[in-house]
Amino acid sequence: MSRGYEFSFFLDDVTIANNVMQKNALCQKSNHNNIIFAKDLFALLNGKDDVFTTLVGEAEKTVLLSHGSHLSCEKWSKYIGEYDKIDVTHNTNAGWSQSSKWGHSTNQGQTMTDKREYKVKPEQINRLSPDEIFVYDNQTGSLIQTIVS
């Protein structure tokens, strides 16, 4: 704000959403910027996926704090995106056998399973501690989890 950049700011499920004095102070400093405060942004948008996607899809950076609504946590997880997870399971079978004489044999193998998973699971957002955040850069796709003090 102090540099005069235009921005949009969405505050979802944090205490300032209910603090009129803090809201007024922030809004007075932001003459030409978009600011939305909500206890639950997704609910404020009447649960409309297309409106939510349009609204937050323009963001350069997203900072996720702990969120109380599981449905909203799912929406934020979906917004951050998914990746292909490959699970590799190694297995070994060994045993004694008798064909023409006693012998020991060992068979080894591995199984690979592909599945899609959220980069940040809804329960991870829900369980963040008060000083912990995820920062997602929509332009580069980078995601960090860090502690703020």
N, C-alpha and C. Protein backbone atom coordinates (compact mmCIF):
# COMPACT_ATOMS: atom_id res chain seq x y z
N MET A 1 0.82 -1.19 0.00
CA MET A 1 0.00 0.00 0.00
C MET A 1 0.86 1.25 0.00
N SER A 2 1.94 1.23 0.79
CA SER A 2 2.78 2.43 0.91
C SER A 2 3.48 2.77 -0.41
N ARG A 3 3.66 1.80 -1.28
CA ARG A 3 4.30 2.05 -2.58
C ARG A 3 3.29 2.39 -3.67
N GLY A 4 2.01 2.36 -3.33
CA GLY A 4 0.99 2.74 -4.28
C GLY A 4 0.57 1.64 -5.24
N TYR A 5 0.97 0.41 -4.99
CA TYR A 5 0.57 -0.70 -5.87
C TYR A 5 -0.88 -1.07 -5.61
N GLU A 6 -1.60 -1.38 -6.68
CA GLU A 6 -2.95 -1.88 -6.52
C GLU A 6 -2.89 -3.35 -6.18
N PHE A 7 -3.82 -3.81 -5.37
CA PHE A 7 -3.82 -5.20 -4.98
C PHE A 7 -5.22 -5.61 -4.55
N SER A 8 -5.41 -6.89 -4.46
CA SER A 8 -6.63 -7.45 -3.89
C SER A 8 -6.22 -8.26 -2.67
N PHE A 9 -7.00 -8.16 -1.63
CA PHE A 9 -6.67 -8.81 -0.37
C PHE A 9 -7.92 -9.52 0.14
N PHE A 10 -7.84 -10.85 0.31
CA PHE A 10 -8.95 -11.64 0.80
C PHE A 10 -8.55 -12.23 2.14
N LEU A 11 -9.29 -11.94 3.15
CA LEU A 11 -9.00 -12.43 4.48
C LEU A 11 -10.08 -13.43 4.86
N ASP A 12 -9.66 -14.67 5.03
CA ASP A 12 -10.61 -15.77 5.19
C ASP A 12 -10.36 -16.49 6.51
N ASP A 13 -11.37 -16.51 7.39
CA ASP A 13 -11.36 -17.26 8.64
C ASP A 13 -10.23 -16.88 9.59
N VAL A 14 -10.05 -15.60 9.81
CA VAL A 14 -9.12 -15.15 10.85
C VAL A 14 -9.80 -14.08 11.69
N THR A 15 -9.25 -13.78 12.82
CA THR A 15 -9.93 -12.93 13.79
C THR A 15 -10.23 -11.52 13.28
N ILE A 16 -9.45 -11.00 12.37
CA ILE A 16 -9.70 -9.64 11.89
C ILE A 16 -11.06 -9.54 11.20
N ALA A 17 -11.55 -10.66 10.69
CA ALA A 17 -12.85 -10.65 10.01
C ALA A 17 -13.96 -10.18 10.94
N ASN A 18 -13.76 -10.32 12.23
CA ASN A 18 -14.76 -9.89 13.20
C ASN A 18 -14.35 -8.64 13.96
N ASN A 19 -13.21 -8.05 13.63
CA ASN A 19 -12.71 -6.88 14.35
C ASN A 19 -12.95 -5.62 13.51
N VAL A 20 -14.00 -4.88 13.85
CA VAL A 20 -14.42 -3.71 13.07
C VAL A 20 -13.33 -2.64 13.04
N MET A 21 -12.66 -2.40 14.16
CA MET A 21 -11.62 -1.35 14.20
C MET A 21 -10.48 -1.68 13.25
N GLN A 22 -10.00 -2.94 13.26
CA GLN A 22 -8.92 -3.31 12.35
C GLN A 22 -9.37 -3.24 10.90
N LYS A 23 -10.59 -3.67 10.61
CA LYS A 23 -11.12 -3.59 9.25
C LYS A 23 -11.14 -2.14 8.77
N ASN A 24 -11.66 -1.25 9.60
CA ASN A 24 -11.76 0.16 9.22
C ASN A 24 -10.39 0.76 8.98
N ALA A 25 -9.43 0.46 9.84
CA ALA A 25 -8.08 0.98 9.68
C ALA A 25 -7.45 0.52 8.37
N LEU A 26 -7.63 -0.74 8.04
CA LEU A 26 -7.06 -1.28 6.81
C LEU A 26 -7.76 -0.70 5.58
N CYS A 27 -9.07 -0.58 5.63
CA CYS A 27 -9.82 -0.08 4.48
C CYS A 27 -9.54 1.40 4.22
N GLN A 28 -9.30 2.19 5.27
CA GLN A 28 -9.00 3.60 5.07
C GLN A 28 -7.69 3.80 4.34
N LYS A 29 -6.74 2.90 4.52
CA LYS A 29 -5.44 3.02 3.87
C LYS A 29 -5.45 2.51 2.44
N SER A 30 -6.52 1.90 2.02
CA SER A 30 -6.52 1.25 0.72
C SER A 30 -7.62 1.82 -0.17
N ASN A 31 -7.41 3.03 -0.66
CA ASN A 31 -8.40 3.75 -1.44
C ASN A 31 -8.89 2.97 -2.66
N HIS A 32 -8.01 2.42 -3.45
CA HIS A 32 -8.38 1.83 -4.73
C HIS A 32 -8.04 0.33 -4.81
N ASN A 33 -8.07 -0.34 -3.69
CA ASN A 33 -7.75 -1.75 -3.68
C ASN A 33 -8.99 -2.56 -3.27
N ASN A 34 -8.99 -3.82 -3.64
CA ASN A 34 -10.11 -4.70 -3.30
C ASN A 34 -9.79 -5.46 -2.03
N ILE A 35 -10.64 -5.32 -1.04
CA ILE A 35 -10.44 -6.02 0.22
C ILE A 35 -11.74 -6.74 0.58
N ILE A 36 -11.63 -8.03 0.86
CA ILE A 36 -12.80 -8.81 1.27
C ILE A 36 -12.46 -9.51 2.58
N PHE A 37 -13.30 -9.33 3.58
CA PHE A 37 -13.16 -10.01 4.87
C PHE A 37 -14.32 -10.97 5.01
N ALA A 38 -14.03 -12.20 5.40
CA ALA A 38 -15.11 -13.16 5.58
C ALA A 38 -14.70 -14.21 6.60
N LYS A 39 -15.67 -14.69 7.34
CA LYS A 39 -15.41 -15.81 8.25
C LYS A 39 -15.14 -17.06 7.43
N ASP A 40 -15.80 -17.17 6.27
CA ASP A 40 -15.59 -18.30 5.37
C ASP A 40 -15.82 -17.80 3.95
N LEU A 41 -14.74 -17.54 3.22
CA LEU A 41 -14.82 -16.96 1.87
C LEU A 41 -15.64 -17.82 0.93
N PHE A 42 -15.45 -19.13 0.98
CA PHE A 42 -16.20 -20.01 0.08
C PHE A 42 -17.70 -19.95 0.38
N ALA A 43 -18.06 -19.91 1.66
CA ALA A 43 -19.46 -19.79 2.03
C ALA A 43 -20.02 -18.43 1.61
N LEU A 44 -19.20 -17.37 1.75
CA LEU A 44 -19.62 -16.03 1.33
C LEU A 44 -19.99 -16.02 -0.16
N LEU A 45 -19.30 -16.84 -0.94
CA LEU A 45 -19.56 -16.93 -2.38
C LEU A 45 -20.65 -17.95 -2.69
N ASN A 46 -21.42 -18.31 -1.68
CA ASN A 46 -22.53 -19.28 -1.81
C ASN A 46 -22.08 -20.63 -2.33
N GLY A 47 -20.84 -21.01 -2.03
CA GLY A 47 -20.34 -22.32 -2.42
C GLY A 47 -20.19 -22.50 -3.92
N LYS A 48 -20.05 -21.41 -4.65
CA LYS A 48 -19.94 -21.49 -6.12
C LYS A 48 -18.48 -21.63 -6.52
N ASP A 49 -18.14 -22.82 -7.04
CA ASP A 49 -16.76 -23.11 -7.44
C ASP A 49 -16.23 -22.12 -8.47
N ASP A 50 -17.05 -21.80 -9.47
CA ASP A 50 -16.58 -20.94 -10.55
C ASP A 50 -16.25 -19.53 -10.05
N VAL A 51 -17.04 -19.01 -9.11
CA VAL A 51 -16.77 -17.68 -8.56
C VAL A 51 -15.51 -17.72 -7.71
N PHE A 52 -15.38 -18.74 -6.88
CA PHE A 52 -14.19 -18.89 -6.04
C PHE A 52 -12.94 -18.98 -6.91
N THR A 53 -12.98 -19.82 -7.94
CA THR A 53 -11.83 -20.00 -8.83
C THR A 53 -11.47 -18.70 -9.53
N THR A 54 -12.47 -17.97 -10.01
CA THR A 54 -12.22 -16.69 -10.68
C THR A 54 -11.62 -15.68 -9.73
N LEU A 55 -12.18 -15.61 -8.53
CA LEU A 55 -11.73 -14.62 -7.56
C LEU A 55 -10.30 -14.86 -7.11
N VAL A 56 -9.98 -16.08 -6.72
CA VAL A 56 -8.63 -16.34 -6.19
C VAL A 56 -7.63 -16.72 -7.29
N GLY A 57 -8.12 -17.02 -8.47
CA GLY A 57 -7.23 -17.44 -9.56
C GLY A 57 -6.30 -16.37 -10.06
N GLU A 58 -6.60 -15.13 -9.79
CA GLU A 58 -5.75 -14.02 -10.23
C GLU A 58 -4.62 -13.72 -9.25
N ALA A 59 -4.62 -14.37 -8.11
CA ALA A 59 -3.63 -14.06 -7.06
C ALA A 59 -2.22 -14.46 -7.47
N GLU A 60 -1.26 -13.61 -7.13
CA GLU A 60 0.15 -13.95 -7.34
C GLU A 60 0.63 -14.86 -6.22
N LYS A 61 0.27 -14.51 -5.00
CA LYS A 61 0.70 -15.28 -3.84
C LYS A 61 -0.50 -15.56 -2.95
N THR A 62 -0.48 -16.72 -2.34
CA THR A 62 -1.52 -17.10 -1.40
C THR A 62 -0.85 -17.53 -0.11
N VAL A 63 -1.31 -16.97 1.00
CA VAL A 63 -0.79 -17.33 2.31
C VAL A 63 -1.93 -18.06 3.03
N LEU A 64 -1.69 -19.32 3.36
CA LEU A 64 -2.70 -20.13 4.04
C LEU A 64 -2.37 -20.26 5.51
N LEU A 65 -3.35 -19.91 6.33
CA LEU A 65 -3.26 -20.11 7.77
C LEU A 65 -4.23 -21.23 8.12
N SER A 66 -4.23 -21.64 9.36
CA SER A 66 -5.18 -22.66 9.80
C SER A 66 -6.60 -22.18 9.51
N HIS A 67 -7.43 -23.09 9.07
CA HIS A 67 -8.80 -22.74 8.69
C HIS A 67 -9.75 -23.72 9.35
N GLY A 68 -10.84 -23.22 9.90
CA GLY A 68 -11.78 -24.06 10.63
C GLY A 68 -12.76 -24.85 9.79
N SER A 69 -13.07 -24.38 8.58
CA SER A 69 -14.05 -25.05 7.74
C SER A 69 -13.39 -26.12 6.88
N HIS A 70 -13.82 -27.38 7.05
CA HIS A 70 -13.22 -28.45 6.25
C HIS A 70 -13.50 -28.27 4.76
N LEU A 71 -14.69 -27.78 4.42
CA LEU A 71 -15.02 -27.56 3.02
C LEU A 71 -14.11 -26.50 2.41
N SER A 72 -13.86 -25.43 3.15
CA SER A 72 -12.95 -24.39 2.65
C SER A 72 -11.52 -24.91 2.57
N CYS A 73 -11.11 -25.72 3.53
CA CYS A 73 -9.77 -26.33 3.47
C CYS A 73 -9.62 -27.15 2.19
N GLU A 74 -10.68 -27.88 1.83
CA GLU A 74 -10.66 -28.65 0.59
C GLU A 74 -10.53 -27.75 -0.62
N LYS A 75 -11.24 -26.62 -0.63
CA LYS A 75 -11.17 -25.68 -1.76
C LYS A 75 -9.78 -25.09 -1.88
N TRP A 76 -9.16 -24.73 -0.76
CA TRP A 76 -7.81 -24.17 -0.81
C TRP A 76 -6.81 -25.24 -1.26
N SER A 77 -6.99 -26.48 -0.82
CA SER A 77 -6.12 -27.58 -1.28
C SER A 77 -6.24 -27.76 -2.78
N LYS A 78 -7.46 -27.74 -3.26
CA LYS A 78 -7.70 -27.89 -4.70
C LYS A 78 -7.07 -26.74 -5.47
N TYR A 79 -7.18 -25.53 -4.91
CA TYR A 79 -6.59 -24.35 -5.55
C TYR A 79 -5.07 -24.47 -5.67
N ILE A 80 -4.41 -24.95 -4.62
CA ILE A 80 -2.95 -25.12 -4.65
C ILE A 80 -2.56 -26.17 -5.68
N GLY A 81 -3.36 -27.21 -5.83
CA GLY A 81 -3.12 -28.18 -6.90
C GLY A 81 -2.74 -29.56 -6.41
N GLU A 82 -2.54 -30.43 -7.39
CA GLU A 82 -2.22 -31.82 -7.14
C GLU A 82 -0.90 -32.19 -7.81
N TYR A 83 -0.40 -33.36 -7.46
CA TYR A 83 0.78 -33.90 -8.11
C TYR A 83 0.62 -35.41 -8.23
N ASP A 84 1.42 -36.02 -9.08
CA ASP A 84 1.40 -37.47 -9.25
C ASP A 84 2.33 -38.09 -8.23
N LYS A 85 1.78 -38.85 -7.33
CA LYS A 85 2.57 -39.53 -6.30
C LYS A 85 2.78 -40.97 -6.74
N ILE A 86 4.01 -41.43 -6.67
CA ILE A 86 4.34 -42.80 -7.04
C ILE A 86 4.76 -43.53 -5.77
N ASP A 87 3.96 -44.51 -5.36
CA ASP A 87 4.30 -45.36 -4.22
C ASP A 87 5.03 -46.59 -4.73
N VAL A 88 6.17 -46.88 -4.14
CA VAL A 88 6.95 -48.06 -4.51
C VAL A 88 6.98 -49.00 -3.31
N THR A 89 6.54 -50.23 -3.53
CA THR A 89 6.54 -51.24 -2.48
C THR A 89 7.51 -52.34 -2.90
N HIS A 90 8.47 -52.64 -2.03
CA HIS A 90 9.43 -53.71 -2.29
C HIS A 90 8.96 -54.96 -1.56
N ASN A 91 9.08 -56.10 -2.22
CA ASN A 91 8.68 -57.34 -1.56
C ASN A 91 9.74 -58.41 -1.82
N THR A 92 9.89 -59.27 -0.83
CA THR A 92 10.84 -60.37 -0.92
C THR A 92 10.15 -61.64 -0.45
N ASN A 93 10.27 -62.68 -1.23
CA ASN A 93 9.76 -64.00 -0.85
C ASN A 93 10.95 -64.96 -0.81
N ALA A 94 11.06 -65.66 0.29
CA ALA A 94 12.17 -66.60 0.43
C ALA A 94 11.64 -67.90 1.03
N GLY A 95 12.28 -68.98 0.69
CA GLY A 95 11.85 -70.25 1.26
C GLY A 95 12.72 -71.41 0.81
N TRP A 96 12.50 -72.50 1.47
CA TRP A 96 13.21 -73.74 1.14
C TRP A 96 12.33 -74.57 0.22
N SER A 97 12.95 -75.20 -0.71
CA SER A 97 12.18 -76.07 -1.61
C SER A 97 12.94 -77.37 -1.85
N GLN A 98 12.19 -78.39 -2.21
CA GLN A 98 12.81 -79.67 -2.52
C GLN A 98 12.36 -80.08 -3.91
N SER A 99 13.27 -79.99 -4.82
CA SER A 99 12.97 -80.52 -6.15
C SER A 99 13.76 -81.81 -6.26
N SER A 100 14.98 -81.77 -6.74
CA SER A 100 15.81 -82.98 -6.72
C SER A 100 16.66 -82.99 -5.45
N LYS A 101 16.90 -81.80 -4.88
CA LYS A 101 17.61 -81.70 -3.60
C LYS A 101 17.12 -80.44 -2.89
N TRP A 102 17.40 -80.34 -1.60
CA TRP A 102 16.96 -79.18 -0.84
C TRP A 102 17.71 -77.94 -1.30
N GLY A 103 16.98 -76.85 -1.40
CA GLY A 103 17.63 -75.59 -1.78
C GLY A 103 16.84 -74.40 -1.25
N HIS A 104 17.49 -73.31 -1.22
CA HIS A 104 16.88 -72.07 -0.73
C HIS A 104 16.73 -71.12 -1.93
N SER A 105 15.56 -70.54 -2.07
CA SER A 105 15.37 -69.59 -3.17
C SER A 105 14.80 -68.28 -2.62
N THR A 106 15.16 -67.21 -3.28
CA THR A 106 14.69 -65.88 -2.90
C THR A 106 14.17 -65.17 -4.15
N ASN A 107 12.99 -64.61 -4.06
CA ASN A 107 12.42 -63.82 -5.15
C ASN A 107 12.19 -62.41 -4.64
N GLN A 108 12.64 -61.44 -5.42
CA GLN A 108 12.45 -60.05 -5.04
C GLN A 108 11.70 -59.33 -6.15
N GLY A 109 10.92 -58.36 -5.75
CA GLY A 109 10.18 -57.58 -6.73
C GLY A 109 9.73 -56.26 -6.13
N GLN A 110 9.14 -55.46 -6.97
CA GLN A 110 8.60 -54.20 -6.48
C GLN A 110 7.32 -53.87 -7.24
N THR A 111 6.45 -53.15 -6.58
CA THR A 111 5.20 -52.73 -7.17
C THR A 111 5.13 -51.22 -7.11
N MET A 112 4.78 -50.62 -8.24
CA MET A 112 4.65 -49.16 -8.29
C MET A 112 3.18 -48.80 -8.51
N THR A 113 2.69 -47.84 -7.72
CA THR A 113 1.30 -47.39 -7.82
C THR A 113 1.30 -45.89 -8.02
N ASP A 114 0.63 -45.44 -9.07
CA ASP A 114 0.48 -44.00 -9.32
C ASP A 114 -0.85 -43.52 -8.78
N LYS A 115 -0.83 -42.35 -8.13
CA LYS A 115 -2.08 -41.74 -7.69
C LYS A 115 -1.89 -40.24 -7.59
N ARG A 116 -3.00 -39.51 -7.67
CA ARG A 116 -2.99 -38.06 -7.55
C ARG A 116 -3.24 -37.69 -6.09
N GLU A 117 -2.47 -36.73 -5.60
CA GLU A 117 -2.66 -36.23 -4.24
C GLU A 117 -2.55 -34.72 -4.23
N TYR A 118 -3.24 -34.10 -3.27
CA TYR A 118 -3.10 -32.66 -3.10
C TYR A 118 -1.69 -32.33 -2.62
N LYS A 119 -1.13 -31.22 -3.11
CA LYS A 119 0.17 -30.76 -2.63
C LYS A 119 0.07 -30.43 -1.14
N VAL A 120 -1.03 -29.82 -0.75
CA VAL A 120 -1.32 -29.55 0.66
C VAL A 120 -2.69 -30.17 0.94
N LYS A 121 -2.73 -31.12 1.83
CA LYS A 121 -3.99 -31.80 2.15
C LYS A 121 -4.86 -30.90 3.02
N PRO A 122 -6.18 -31.03 2.89
CA PRO A 122 -7.08 -30.20 3.70
C PRO A 122 -6.79 -30.29 5.20
N GLU A 123 -6.49 -31.49 5.68
CA GLU A 123 -6.22 -31.64 7.11
C GLU A 123 -4.93 -30.95 7.53
N GLN A 124 -3.98 -30.77 6.60
CA GLN A 124 -2.75 -30.03 6.92
C GLN A 124 -3.07 -28.56 7.15
N ILE A 125 -3.97 -28.00 6.35
CA ILE A 125 -4.37 -26.61 6.52
C ILE A 125 -5.11 -26.47 7.84
N ASN A 126 -6.01 -27.39 8.11
CA ASN A 126 -6.81 -27.35 9.33
C ASN A 126 -5.95 -27.45 10.58
N ARG A 127 -4.86 -28.20 10.53
CA ARG A 127 -4.03 -28.46 11.71
C ARG A 127 -2.84 -27.53 11.86
N LEU A 128 -2.73 -26.51 11.02
CA LEU A 128 -1.61 -25.57 11.17
C LEU A 128 -1.66 -24.91 12.54
N SER A 129 -0.49 -24.73 13.14
CA SER A 129 -0.44 -24.03 14.43
C SER A 129 -0.60 -22.53 14.15
N PRO A 130 -0.90 -21.74 15.19
CA PRO A 130 -1.15 -20.30 14.97
C PRO A 130 0.02 -19.55 14.35
N ASP A 131 1.24 -20.03 14.51
CA ASP A 131 2.40 -19.33 13.95
C ASP A 131 2.95 -20.00 12.69
N GLU A 132 2.17 -20.88 12.09
CA GLU A 132 2.62 -21.65 10.93
C GLU A 132 1.77 -21.29 9.70
N ILE A 133 2.42 -21.16 8.53
CA ILE A 133 1.70 -20.81 7.31
C ILE A 133 2.26 -21.59 6.11
N PHE A 134 1.45 -21.71 5.08
CA PHE A 134 1.90 -22.14 3.77
C PHE A 134 1.89 -20.90 2.88
N VAL A 135 2.91 -20.74 2.06
CA VAL A 135 2.94 -19.65 1.08
C VAL A 135 3.06 -20.29 -0.29
N TYR A 136 2.08 -19.97 -1.15
CA TYR A 136 2.03 -20.52 -2.49
C TYR A 136 2.20 -19.40 -3.50
N ASP A 137 3.16 -19.56 -4.41
CA ASP A 137 3.38 -18.59 -5.48
C ASP A 137 2.69 -19.14 -6.73
N ASN A 138 1.62 -18.51 -7.13
CA ASN A 138 0.81 -18.98 -8.25
C ASN A 138 1.57 -18.88 -9.58
N GLN A 139 2.52 -17.96 -9.68
CA GLN A 139 3.25 -17.78 -10.94
C GLN A 139 4.32 -18.85 -11.14
N THR A 140 5.03 -19.20 -10.07
CA THR A 140 6.12 -20.20 -10.20
C THR A 140 5.70 -21.58 -9.75
N GLY A 141 4.60 -21.67 -9.00
CA GLY A 141 4.15 -22.95 -8.48
C GLY A 141 4.90 -23.38 -7.23
N SER A 142 5.76 -22.52 -6.70
CA SER A 142 6.52 -22.89 -5.50
C SER A 142 5.63 -22.83 -4.27
N LEU A 143 5.91 -23.71 -3.34
CA LEU A 143 5.12 -23.83 -2.12
C LEU A 143 6.08 -24.02 -0.96
N ILE A 144 5.93 -23.20 0.09
CA ILE A 144 6.75 -23.37 1.28
C ILE A 144 5.85 -23.39 2.52
N GLN A 145 6.31 -24.10 3.51
CA GLN A 145 5.67 -24.11 4.80
C GLN A 145 6.67 -23.51 5.77
N THR A 146 6.25 -22.51 6.53
CA THR A 146 7.19 -21.83 7.40
C THR A 146 6.51 -21.38 8.69
N ILE A 147 7.33 -20.95 9.62
CA ILE A 147 6.85 -20.44 10.91
C ILE A 147 7.08 -18.93 10.91
N VAL A 148 6.10 -18.18 11.33
CA VAL A 148 6.23 -16.73 11.43
C VAL A 148 6.15 -16.34 12.90
N SER A 149 6.86 -15.30 13.24
CA SER A 149 6.81 -14.88 14.65
C SER A 149 6.53 -13.41 14.77
